[in-house]
All heavy atoms as atom14 arrays in JSON, in Angstrom:
{
  "sequence": "FERLFSTFLVTCDGLACLPYPHARAEVVARCTNEMERFVVREWGDLID",
  "atom14_mask": [
    [1, 1, 1, 1, 1, 1, 1, 1, 1, 1, 1, 0, 0, 0],
    [1, 1, 1, 1, 1, 1, 1, 1, 1, 0, 0, 0, 0, 0],
    [1, 1, 1, 1, 1, 1, 1, 1, 1, 1, 1, 0, 0, 0],
    [1, 1, 1, 1, 1, 1, 1, 1, 0, 0, 0, 0, 0, 0],
    [1, 1, 1, 1, 1, 1, 1, 1, 1, 1, 1, 0, 0, 0],
    [1, 1, 1, 1, 1, 1, 0, 0, 0, 0, 0, 0, 0, 0],
    [1, 1, 1, 1, 1, 1, 1, 0, 0, 0, 0, 0, 0, 0],
    [1, 1, 1, 1, 1, 1, 1, 1, 1, 1, 1, 0, 0, 0],
    [1, 1, 1, 1, 1, 1, 1, 1, 0, 0, 0, 0, 0, 0],
    [1, 1, 1, 1, 1, 1, 1, 0, 0, 0, 0, 0, 0, 0],
    [1, 1, 1, 1, 1, 1, 1, 0, 0, 0, 0, 0, 0, 0],
    [1, 1, 1, 1, 1, 1, 0, 0, 0, 0, 0, 0, 0, 0],
    [1, 1, 1, 1, 1, 1, 1, 1, 0, 0, 0, 0, 0, 0],
    [1, 1, 1, 1, 0, 0, 0, 0, 0, 0, 0, 0, 0, 0],
    [1, 1, 1, 1, 1, 1, 1, 1, 0, 0, 0, 0, 0, 0],
    [1, 1, 1, 1, 1, 0, 0, 0, 0, 0, 0, 0, 0, 0],
    [1, 1, 1, 1, 1, 1, 0, 0, 0, 0, 0, 0, 0, 0],
    [1, 1, 1, 1, 1, 1, 1, 1, 0, 0, 0, 0, 0, 0],
    [1, 1, 1, 1, 1, 1, 1, 0, 0, 0, 0, 0, 0, 0],
    [1, 1, 1, 1, 1, 1, 1, 1, 1, 1, 1, 1, 0, 0],
    [1, 1, 1, 1, 1, 1, 1, 0, 0, 0, 0, 0, 0, 0],
    [1, 1, 1, 1, 1, 1, 1, 1, 1, 1, 0, 0, 0, 0],
    [1, 1, 1, 1, 1, 0, 0, 0, 0, 0, 0, 0, 0, 0],
    [1, 1, 1, 1, 1, 1, 1, 1, 1, 1, 1, 0, 0, 0],
    [1, 1, 1, 1, 1, 0, 0, 0, 0, 0, 0, 0, 0, 0],
    [1, 1, 1, 1, 1, 1, 1, 1, 1, 0, 0, 0, 0, 0],
    [1, 1, 1, 1, 1, 1, 1, 0, 0, 0, 0, 0, 0, 0],
    [1, 1, 1, 1, 1, 1, 1, 0, 0, 0, 0, 0, 0, 0],
    [1, 1, 1, 1, 1, 0, 0, 0, 0, 0, 0, 0, 0, 0],
    [1, 1, 1, 1, 1, 1, 1, 1, 1, 1, 1, 0, 0, 0],
    [1, 1, 1, 1, 1, 1, 0, 0, 0, 0, 0, 0, 0, 0],
    [1, 1, 1, 1, 1, 1, 1, 0, 0, 0, 0, 0, 0, 0],
    [1, 1, 1, 1, 1, 1, 1, 1, 0, 0, 0, 0, 0, 0],
    [1, 1, 1, 1, 1, 1, 1, 1, 1, 0, 0, 0, 0, 0],
    [1, 1, 1, 1, 1, 1, 1, 1, 0, 0, 0, 0, 0, 0],
    [1, 1, 1, 1, 1, 1, 1, 1, 1, 0, 0, 0, 0, 0],
    [1, 1, 1, 1, 1, 1, 1, 1, 1, 1, 1, 0, 0, 0],
    [1, 1, 1, 1, 1, 1, 1, 1, 1, 1, 1, 0, 0, 0],
    [1, 1, 1, 1, 1, 1, 1, 0, 0, 0, 0, 0, 0, 0],
    [1, 1, 1, 1, 1, 1, 1, 0, 0, 0, 0, 0, 0, 0],
    [1, 1, 1, 1, 1, 1, 1, 1, 1, 1, 1, 0, 0, 0],
    [1, 1, 1, 1, 1, 1, 1, 1, 1, 0, 0, 0, 0, 0],
    [1, 1, 1, 1, 1, 1, 1, 1, 1, 1, 1, 1, 1, 1],
    [1, 1, 1, 1, 0, 0, 0, 0, 0, 0, 0, 0, 0, 0],
    [1, 1, 1, 1, 1, 1, 1, 1, 0, 0, 0, 0, 0, 0],
    [1, 1, 1, 1, 1, 1, 1, 1, 0, 0, 0, 0, 0, 0],
    [1, 1, 1, 1, 1, 1, 1, 1, 0, 0, 0, 0, 0, 0],
    [1, 1, 1, 1, 1, 1, 1, 1, 0, 0, 0, 0, 0, 0]
  ],
  "atom14_positions": [
    [[26.13, -12.32, 1.18], [27.58, -12.35, 1.25], [28.2, -11.05, 1.75], [29.27, -11.06, 2.36], [28.17, -12.76, -0.1], [28.19, -14.25, -0.3], [27.04, -14.93, -0.69], [29.35, -14.98, -0.07], [27.05, -16.31, -0.85], [29.37, -16.35, -0.22], [28.23, -17.03, -0.61], [0.0, 0.0, 0.0], [0.0, 0.0, 0.0], [0.0, 0.0, 0.0]],
    [[27.53, -9.92, 1.56], [28.1, -8.67, 2.06], [28.03, -8.58, 3.58], [28.67, -7.72, 4.2], [27.4, -7.46, 1.43], [26.0, -7.19, 1.92], [25.34, -6.0, 1.23], [25.93, -5.5, 0.27], [24.24, -5.6, 1.66], [0.0, 0.0, 0.0], [0.0, 0.0, 0.0], [0.0, 0.0, 0.0], [0.0, 0.0, 0.0], [0.0, 0.0, 0.0]],
    [[27.28, -9.48, 4.21], [27.19, -9.52, 5.66], [28.14, -10.53, 6.3], [28.16, -10.67, 7.53], [25.73, -9.81, 6.08], [24.83, -8.6, 5.86], [23.35, -8.9, 5.94], [22.61, -7.63, 5.88], [22.39, -6.94, 4.74], [22.82, -7.42, 3.57], [21.75, -5.78, 4.78], [0.0, 0.0, 0.0], [0.0, 0.0, 0.0], [0.0, 0.0, 0.0]],
    [[28.93, -11.19, 5.49], [29.85, -12.2, 6.03], [31.02, -11.57, 6.76], [31.56, -12.17, 7.7], [30.36, -13.11, 4.91], [29.31, -13.98, 4.21], [29.98, -14.91, 3.21], [28.5, -14.78, 5.23], [0.0, 0.0, 0.0], [0.0, 0.0, 0.0], [0.0, 0.0, 0.0], [0.0, 0.0, 0.0], [0.0, 0.0, 0.0], [0.0, 0.0, 0.0]],
    [[31.45, -10.38, 6.34], [32.58, -9.73, 7.01], [32.24, -9.48, 8.48], [33.0, -9.87, 9.38], [32.92, -8.42, 6.3], [34.07, -7.67, 6.92], [35.38, -7.97, 6.58], [33.84, -6.66, 7.84], [36.44, -7.27, 7.15], [34.89, -5.96, 8.42], [36.19, -6.27, 8.07], [0.0, 0.0, 0.0], [0.0, 0.0, 0.0], [0.0, 0.0, 0.0]],
    [[31.13, -8.84, 8.74], [30.73, -8.58, 10.12], [30.49, -9.87, 10.89], [30.81, -9.97, 12.09], [29.48, -7.7, 10.16], [29.78, -6.38, 9.74], [0.0, 0.0, 0.0], [0.0, 0.0, 0.0], [0.0, 0.0, 0.0], [0.0, 0.0, 0.0], [0.0, 0.0, 0.0], [0.0, 0.0, 0.0], [0.0, 0.0, 0.0], [0.0, 0.0, 0.0]],
    [[29.92, -10.87, 10.23], [29.69, -12.17, 10.86], [31.01, -12.81, 11.25], [31.16, -13.36, 12.35], [28.91, -13.09, 9.91], [27.66, -12.46, 9.58], [28.64, -14.44, 10.53], [0.0, 0.0, 0.0], [0.0, 0.0, 0.0], [0.0, 0.0, 0.0], [0.0, 0.0, 0.0], [0.0, 0.0, 0.0], [0.0, 0.0, 0.0], [0.0, 0.0, 0.0]],
    [[31.98, -12.73, 10.36], [33.31, -13.3, 10.62], [33.97, -12.62, 11.82], [34.57, -13.27, 12.68], [34.17, -13.15, 9.36], [35.52, -13.81, 9.44], [35.64, -15.19, 9.35], [36.66, -13.05, 9.59], [36.88, -15.8, 9.41], [37.91, -13.65, 9.64], [38.02, -15.02, 9.56], [0.0, 0.0, 0.0], [0.0, 0.0, 0.0], [0.0, 0.0, 0.0]],
    [[33.86, -11.29, 11.9], [34.5, -10.56, 12.99], [33.97, -10.98, 14.36], [34.73, -11.03, 15.33], [34.33, -9.06, 12.81], [35.06, -8.38, 11.63], [35.0, -6.86, 11.79], [36.5, -8.84, 11.5], [0.0, 0.0, 0.0], [0.0, 0.0, 0.0], [0.0, 0.0, 0.0], [0.0, 0.0, 0.0], [0.0, 0.0, 0.0], [0.0, 0.0, 0.0]],
    [[32.66, -11.25, 14.45], [32.08, -11.56, 15.77], [32.12, -13.05, 16.09], [31.77, -13.44, 17.2], [30.63, -11.04, 15.89], [30.6, -9.53, 15.79], [29.7, -11.69, 14.87], [0.0, 0.0, 0.0], [0.0, 0.0, 0.0], [0.0, 0.0, 0.0], [0.0, 0.0, 0.0], [0.0, 0.0, 0.0], [0.0, 0.0, 0.0], [0.0, 0.0, 0.0]],
    [[32.55, -13.88, 15.15], [32.6, -15.33, 15.4], [34.03, -15.87, 15.46], [34.22, -17.05, 15.73], [31.81, -16.11, 14.34], [32.29, -15.78, 13.03], [30.32, -15.8, 14.42], [0.0, 0.0, 0.0], [0.0, 0.0, 0.0], [0.0, 0.0, 0.0], [0.0, 0.0, 0.0], [0.0, 0.0, 0.0], [0.0, 0.0, 0.0], [0.0, 0.0, 0.0]],
    [[35.02, -15.02, 15.19], [36.42, -15.47, 15.2], [37.2, -14.72, 16.26], [37.03, -13.51, 16.44], [37.07, -15.24, 13.83], [36.4, -16.31, 12.55], [0.0, 0.0, 0.0], [0.0, 0.0, 0.0], [0.0, 0.0, 0.0], [0.0, 0.0, 0.0], [0.0, 0.0, 0.0], [0.0, 0.0, 0.0], [0.0, 0.0, 0.0], [0.0, 0.0, 0.0]],
    [[38.06, -15.44, 16.94], [38.89, -14.84, 17.98], [40.25, -14.45, 17.42], [40.68, -14.93, 16.37], [39.09, -15.83, 19.13], [37.78, -16.18, 19.83], [36.93, -15.28, 19.94], [37.64, -17.34, 20.25], [0.0, 0.0, 0.0], [0.0, 0.0, 0.0], [0.0, 0.0, 0.0], [0.0, 0.0, 0.0], [0.0, 0.0, 0.0], [0.0, 0.0, 0.0]],
    [[40.93, -13.59, 18.14], [42.31, -13.28, 17.83], [42.52, -12.31, 16.69], [43.62, -12.24, 16.13], [0.0, 0.0, 0.0], [0.0, 0.0, 0.0], [0.0, 0.0, 0.0], [0.0, 0.0, 0.0], [0.0, 0.0, 0.0], [0.0, 0.0, 0.0], [0.0, 0.0, 0.0], [0.0, 0.0, 0.0], [0.0, 0.0, 0.0], [0.0, 0.0, 0.0]],
    [[41.5, -11.53, 16.34], [41.62, -10.56, 15.25], [41.81, -9.16, 15.82], [41.07, -8.73, 16.71], [40.38, -10.57, 14.36], [40.08, -11.87, 13.62], [38.74, -11.75, 12.9], [41.19, -12.21, 12.64], [0.0, 0.0, 0.0], [0.0, 0.0, 0.0], [0.0, 0.0, 0.0], [0.0, 0.0, 0.0], [0.0, 0.0, 0.0], [0.0, 0.0, 0.0]],
    [[42.81, -8.45, 15.3], [43.01, -7.06, 15.69], [42.4, -6.18, 14.61], [42.91, -6.09, 13.49], [44.5, -6.76, 15.84], [0.0, 0.0, 0.0], [0.0, 0.0, 0.0], [0.0, 0.0, 0.0], [0.0, 0.0, 0.0], [0.0, 0.0, 0.0], [0.0, 0.0, 0.0], [0.0, 0.0, 0.0], [0.0, 0.0, 0.0], [0.0, 0.0, 0.0]],
    [[41.26, -5.55, 14.92], [40.47, -4.81, 13.93], [40.41, -3.34, 14.31], [40.28, -3.0, 15.48], [39.05, -5.36, 13.85], [38.95, -7.14, 13.71], [0.0, 0.0, 0.0], [0.0, 0.0, 0.0], [0.0, 0.0, 0.0], [0.0, 0.0, 0.0], [0.0, 0.0, 0.0], [0.0, 0.0, 0.0], [0.0, 0.0, 0.0], [0.0, 0.0, 0.0]],
    [[40.43, -2.49, 13.3], [40.3, -1.05, 13.55], [39.25, -0.46, 12.6], [39.46, -0.39, 11.39], [41.63, -0.33, 13.34], [41.62, 1.16, 13.73], [41.42, 1.32, 15.23], [42.9, 1.85, 13.28], [0.0, 0.0, 0.0], [0.0, 0.0, 0.0], [0.0, 0.0, 0.0], [0.0, 0.0, 0.0], [0.0, 0.0, 0.0], [0.0, 0.0, 0.0]],
    [[38.1, -0.03, 13.15], [37.1, 0.65, 12.32], [37.44, 2.13, 12.2], [37.97, 2.74, 13.13], [35.81, 0.45, 13.1], [36.25, 0.38, 14.53], [37.62, -0.27, 14.52], [0.0, 0.0, 0.0], [0.0, 0.0, 0.0], [0.0, 0.0, 0.0], [0.0, 0.0, 0.0], [0.0, 0.0, 0.0], [0.0, 0.0, 0.0], [0.0, 0.0, 0.0]],
    [[37.11, 2.7, 11.06], [37.31, 4.14, 10.88], [36.35, 4.87, 11.8], [35.16, 4.59, 11.82], [37.05, 4.52, 9.42], [37.33, 5.97, 9.12], [38.61, 6.39, 8.79], [36.31, 6.93, 9.18], [38.89, 7.74, 8.53], [36.57, 8.26, 8.92], [37.86, 8.66, 8.59], [38.12, 9.98, 8.34], [0.0, 0.0, 0.0], [0.0, 0.0, 0.0]],
    [[36.85, 5.85, 12.58], [35.97, 6.53, 13.54], [35.12, 7.61, 12.89], [35.6, 8.37, 12.06], [36.97, 7.15, 14.52], [38.18, 7.42, 13.68], [38.25, 6.31, 12.65], [0.0, 0.0, 0.0], [0.0, 0.0, 0.0], [0.0, 0.0, 0.0], [0.0, 0.0, 0.0], [0.0, 0.0, 0.0], [0.0, 0.0, 0.0], [0.0, 0.0, 0.0]],
    [[33.86, 7.67, 13.29], [32.96, 8.72, 12.82], [32.56, 9.58, 14.01], [32.0, 9.07, 14.99], [31.71, 8.13, 12.18], [31.96, 7.43, 10.89], [32.18, 6.07, 10.82], [32.03, 7.89, 9.62], [32.37, 5.73, 9.56], [32.28, 6.8, 8.81], [0.0, 0.0, 0.0], [0.0, 0.0, 0.0], [0.0, 0.0, 0.0], [0.0, 0.0, 0.0]],
    [[32.82, 10.87, 13.93], [32.36, 11.79, 14.96], [30.84, 11.84, 14.93], [30.21, 11.56, 13.91], [32.95, 13.18, 14.71], [0.0, 0.0, 0.0], [0.0, 0.0, 0.0], [0.0, 0.0, 0.0], [0.0, 0.0, 0.0], [0.0, 0.0, 0.0], [0.0, 0.0, 0.0], [0.0, 0.0, 0.0], [0.0, 0.0, 0.0], [0.0, 0.0, 0.0]],
    [[30.24, 12.22, 16.07], [28.78, 12.27, 16.14], [28.19, 13.14, 15.05], [27.17, 12.8, 14.43], [28.36, 12.77, 17.53], [26.85, 12.92, 17.76], [26.06, 11.63, 17.49], [26.67, 10.47, 18.07], [26.6, 10.14, 19.36], [25.95, 10.9, 20.21], [27.19, 9.05, 19.82], [0.0, 0.0, 0.0], [0.0, 0.0, 0.0], [0.0, 0.0, 0.0]],
    [[28.82, 14.28, 14.76], [28.3, 15.16, 13.71], [28.3, 14.48, 12.35], [27.39, 14.7, 11.54], [29.14, 16.45, 13.66], [0.0, 0.0, 0.0], [0.0, 0.0, 0.0], [0.0, 0.0, 0.0], [0.0, 0.0, 0.0], [0.0, 0.0, 0.0], [0.0, 0.0, 0.0], [0.0, 0.0, 0.0], [0.0, 0.0, 0.0], [0.0, 0.0, 0.0]],
    [[29.3, 13.65, 12.09], [29.35, 12.91, 10.82], [28.2, 11.91, 10.74], [27.58, 11.74, 9.69], [30.68, 12.18, 10.68], [31.9, 13.05, 10.53], [33.14, 12.19, 10.42], [33.43, 11.69, 9.33], [33.82, 12.02, 11.45], [0.0, 0.0, 0.0], [0.0, 0.0, 0.0], [0.0, 0.0, 0.0], [0.0, 0.0, 0.0], [0.0, 0.0, 0.0]],
    [[27.94, 11.22, 11.84], [26.85, 10.24, 11.86], [25.52, 10.93, 11.63], [24.69, 10.47, 10.83], [26.84, 9.47, 13.2], [25.7, 8.46, 13.21], [28.18, 8.75, 13.41], [0.0, 0.0, 0.0], [0.0, 0.0, 0.0], [0.0, 0.0, 0.0], [0.0, 0.0, 0.0], [0.0, 0.0, 0.0], [0.0, 0.0, 0.0], [0.0, 0.0, 0.0]],
    [[25.31, 12.03, 12.3], [24.06, 12.79, 12.12], [23.92, 13.25, 10.68], [22.82, 13.19, 10.09], [24.02, 13.99, 13.1], [22.86, 14.91, 12.76], [23.92, 13.52, 14.54], [0.0, 0.0, 0.0], [0.0, 0.0, 0.0], [0.0, 0.0, 0.0], [0.0, 0.0, 0.0], [0.0, 0.0, 0.0], [0.0, 0.0, 0.0], [0.0, 0.0, 0.0]],
    [[25.02, 13.68, 10.08], [24.97, 14.17, 8.7], [24.59, 13.07, 7.72], [24.07, 13.36, 6.63], [26.32, 14.77, 8.33], [0.0, 0.0, 0.0], [0.0, 0.0, 0.0], [0.0, 0.0, 0.0], [0.0, 0.0, 0.0], [0.0, 0.0, 0.0], [0.0, 0.0, 0.0], [0.0, 0.0, 0.0], [0.0, 0.0, 0.0], [0.0, 0.0, 0.0]],
    [[24.82, 11.83, 8.07], [24.5, 10.72, 7.17], [23.05, 10.24, 7.32], [22.59, 9.4, 6.56], [25.46, 9.55, 7.4], [26.88, 9.86, 6.93], [27.85, 8.74, 7.25], [29.19, 9.13, 6.86], [29.72, 8.93, 5.65], [28.99, 8.34, 4.72], [30.95, 9.31, 5.38], [0.0, 0.0, 0.0], [0.0, 0.0, 0.0], [0.0, 0.0, 0.0]],
    [[22.36, 10.76, 8.31], [20.95, 10.42, 8.49], [20.12, 11.03, 7.35], [20.49, 12.07, 6.81], [20.45, 10.91, 9.84], [21.23, 10.1, 11.25], [0.0, 0.0, 0.0], [0.0, 0.0, 0.0], [0.0, 0.0, 0.0], [0.0, 0.0, 0.0], [0.0, 0.0, 0.0], [0.0, 0.0, 0.0], [0.0, 0.0, 0.0], [0.0, 0.0, 0.0]],
    [[19.0, 10.4, 7.05], [18.21, 10.83, 5.9], [16.95, 11.62, 6.26], [16.28, 12.13, 5.38], [17.81, 9.62, 5.04], [17.02, 8.72, 5.84], [19.05, 8.89, 4.53], [0.0, 0.0, 0.0], [0.0, 0.0, 0.0], [0.0, 0.0, 0.0], [0.0, 0.0, 0.0], [0.0, 0.0, 0.0], [0.0, 0.0, 0.0], [0.0, 0.0, 0.0]],
    [[16.59, 11.68, 7.54], [15.43, 12.48, 7.93], [15.59, 12.93, 9.38], [16.51, 12.52, 10.09], [14.12, 11.72, 7.72], [14.04, 10.44, 8.53], [14.24, 10.45, 9.74], [13.73, 9.33, 7.86], [0.0, 0.0, 0.0], [0.0, 0.0, 0.0], [0.0, 0.0, 0.0], [0.0, 0.0, 0.0], [0.0, 0.0, 0.0], [0.0, 0.0, 0.0]],
    [[14.66, 13.77, 9.83], [14.79, 14.37, 11.15], [14.66, 13.35, 12.27], [15.29, 13.47, 13.32], [13.75, 15.48, 11.33], [13.91, 16.26, 12.63], [15.3, 16.85, 12.81], [15.92, 17.27, 11.81], [15.78, 16.9, 13.96], [0.0, 0.0, 0.0], [0.0, 0.0, 0.0], [0.0, 0.0, 0.0], [0.0, 0.0, 0.0], [0.0, 0.0, 0.0]],
    [[13.84, 12.31, 12.08], [13.7, 11.3, 13.13], [14.99, 10.49, 13.28], [15.4, 10.17, 14.41], [12.52, 10.37, 12.84], [12.32, 9.32, 13.92], [12.0, 10.01, 15.57], [10.23, 10.26, 15.5], [0.0, 0.0, 0.0], [0.0, 0.0, 0.0], [0.0, 0.0, 0.0], [0.0, 0.0, 0.0], [0.0, 0.0, 0.0], [0.0, 0.0, 0.0]],
    [[15.64, 10.17, 12.18], [16.93, 9.48, 12.29], [17.92, 10.36, 13.06], [18.64, 9.88, 13.94], [17.48, 9.16, 10.9], [16.73, 8.07, 10.19], [17.39, 7.66, 8.88], [18.43, 8.24, 8.51], [16.86, 6.74, 8.22], [0.0, 0.0, 0.0], [0.0, 0.0, 0.0], [0.0, 0.0, 0.0], [0.0, 0.0, 0.0], [0.0, 0.0, 0.0]],
    [[17.95, 11.64, 12.72], [18.86, 12.55, 13.43], [18.49, 12.64, 14.92], [19.36, 12.7, 15.78], [18.83, 13.93, 12.77], [19.49, 13.93, 11.39], [19.59, 15.32, 10.8], [18.31, 15.79, 10.27], [17.89, 15.54, 9.04], [18.64, 14.83, 8.19], [16.73, 16.01, 8.62], [0.0, 0.0, 0.0], [0.0, 0.0, 0.0], [0.0, 0.0, 0.0]],
    [[17.2, 12.64, 15.19], [16.73, 12.67, 16.57], [17.21, 11.45, 17.35], [17.71, 11.57, 18.47], [15.19, 12.73, 16.58], [14.57, 12.56, 17.94], [14.43, 13.65, 18.79], [14.14, 11.32, 18.37], [13.85, 13.49, 20.04], [13.57, 11.15, 19.62], [13.42, 12.25, 20.45], [0.0, 0.0, 0.0], [0.0, 0.0, 0.0], [0.0, 0.0, 0.0]],
    [[17.08, 10.27, 16.76], [17.52, 9.04, 17.44], [19.01, 9.09, 17.75], [19.43, 8.77, 18.87], [17.18, 7.8, 16.58], [17.85, 6.55, 17.14], [15.67, 7.59, 16.5], [0.0, 0.0, 0.0], [0.0, 0.0, 0.0], [0.0, 0.0, 0.0], [0.0, 0.0, 0.0], [0.0, 0.0, 0.0], [0.0, 0.0, 0.0], [0.0, 0.0, 0.0]],
    [[19.81, 9.5, 16.78], [21.25, 9.54, 17.0], [21.62, 10.57, 18.07], [22.43, 10.31, 18.96], [22.0, 9.83, 15.68], [23.49, 10.03, 15.94], [21.78, 8.7, 14.68], [0.0, 0.0, 0.0], [0.0, 0.0, 0.0], [0.0, 0.0, 0.0], [0.0, 0.0, 0.0], [0.0, 0.0, 0.0], [0.0, 0.0, 0.0], [0.0, 0.0, 0.0]],
    [[21.0, 11.75, 18.0], [21.33, 12.8, 18.97], [20.86, 12.43, 20.39], [21.57, 12.65, 21.36], [20.7, 14.13, 18.54], [21.41, 14.82, 17.38], [20.94, 16.26, 17.24], [19.53, 16.33, 16.92], [19.04, 16.61, 15.7], [19.86, 16.84, 14.7], [17.74, 16.66, 15.49], [0.0, 0.0, 0.0], [0.0, 0.0, 0.0], [0.0, 0.0, 0.0]],
    [[19.63, 11.88, 20.49], [19.05, 11.63, 21.81], [19.5, 10.32, 22.44], [19.61, 10.23, 23.66], [17.51, 11.64, 21.7], [16.93, 12.98, 21.32], [17.14, 14.02, 22.41], [17.0, 13.68, 23.59], [17.45, 15.18, 22.08], [0.0, 0.0, 0.0], [0.0, 0.0, 0.0], [0.0, 0.0, 0.0], [0.0, 0.0, 0.0], [0.0, 0.0, 0.0]],
    [[19.75, 9.31, 21.62], [20.08, 7.99, 22.14], [21.53, 7.58, 21.89], [21.99, 6.58, 22.44], [19.16, 6.95, 21.5], [17.74, 7.04, 21.96], [16.77, 7.88, 21.49], [17.12, 6.27, 22.99], [15.59, 7.68, 22.15], [15.77, 6.68, 23.07], [17.57, 5.25, 23.82], [14.88, 6.12, 23.98], [16.68, 4.69, 24.73], [15.34, 5.13, 24.81]],
    [[22.23, 8.34, 21.06], [23.56, 7.92, 20.64], [24.54, 7.68, 21.77], [25.22, 6.64, 21.81], [0.0, 0.0, 0.0], [0.0, 0.0, 0.0], [0.0, 0.0, 0.0], [0.0, 0.0, 0.0], [0.0, 0.0, 0.0], [0.0, 0.0, 0.0], [0.0, 0.0, 0.0], [0.0, 0.0, 0.0], [0.0, 0.0, 0.0], [0.0, 0.0, 0.0]],
    [[24.62, 8.61, 22.71], [25.58, 8.46, 23.81], [25.27, 7.23, 24.65], [26.17, 6.49, 25.06], [25.58, 9.71, 24.69], [26.22, 10.91, 24.02], [26.94, 10.71, 23.02], [26.0, 12.04, 24.49], [0.0, 0.0, 0.0], [0.0, 0.0, 0.0], [0.0, 0.0, 0.0], [0.0, 0.0, 0.0], [0.0, 0.0, 0.0], [0.0, 0.0, 0.0]],
    [[24.0, 7.01, 24.92], [23.6, 5.87, 25.74], [23.91, 4.55, 25.02], [24.44, 3.61, 25.63], [22.11, 5.97, 26.06], [21.54, 4.97, 27.07], [22.28, 5.07, 28.4], [20.05, 5.23, 27.27], [0.0, 0.0, 0.0], [0.0, 0.0, 0.0], [0.0, 0.0, 0.0], [0.0, 0.0, 0.0], [0.0, 0.0, 0.0], [0.0, 0.0, 0.0]],
    [[23.57, 4.49, 23.74], [23.85, 3.27, 22.97], [25.35, 3.02, 22.87], [25.82, 1.88, 23.01], [23.19, 3.36, 21.58], [21.66, 3.28, 21.73], [23.7, 2.26, 20.65], [20.89, 3.58, 20.47], [0.0, 0.0, 0.0], [0.0, 0.0, 0.0], [0.0, 0.0, 0.0], [0.0, 0.0, 0.0], [0.0, 0.0, 0.0], [0.0, 0.0, 0.0]],
    [[26.12, 4.07, 22.66], [27.58, 3.91, 22.62], [28.1, 3.36, 23.95], [29.0, 2.52, 23.97], [28.25, 5.26, 22.32], [28.06, 5.7, 20.87], [27.66, 4.87, 20.04], [28.32, 6.89, 20.58], [0.0, 0.0, 0.0], [0.0, 0.0, 0.0], [0.0, 0.0, 0.0], [0.0, 0.0, 0.0], [0.0, 0.0, 0.0], [0.0, 0.0, 0.0]]
  ]
}
C-alpha cells in the first residue's frame, strides 16, 4: 500500500504534482556507502 501513491501518479492523468527538490549534494549525503555515492555522482546527471 505504500507504493500506491507513486502508482496512482503514473496511471492517472490531469494531476498537478510538485515533488520537493533535492540538490545533488543532498542526494549524495543520503547514500549509505561509497558505491552508492559513486553511482549518484558518476551517473546522476545522465539519469536525470
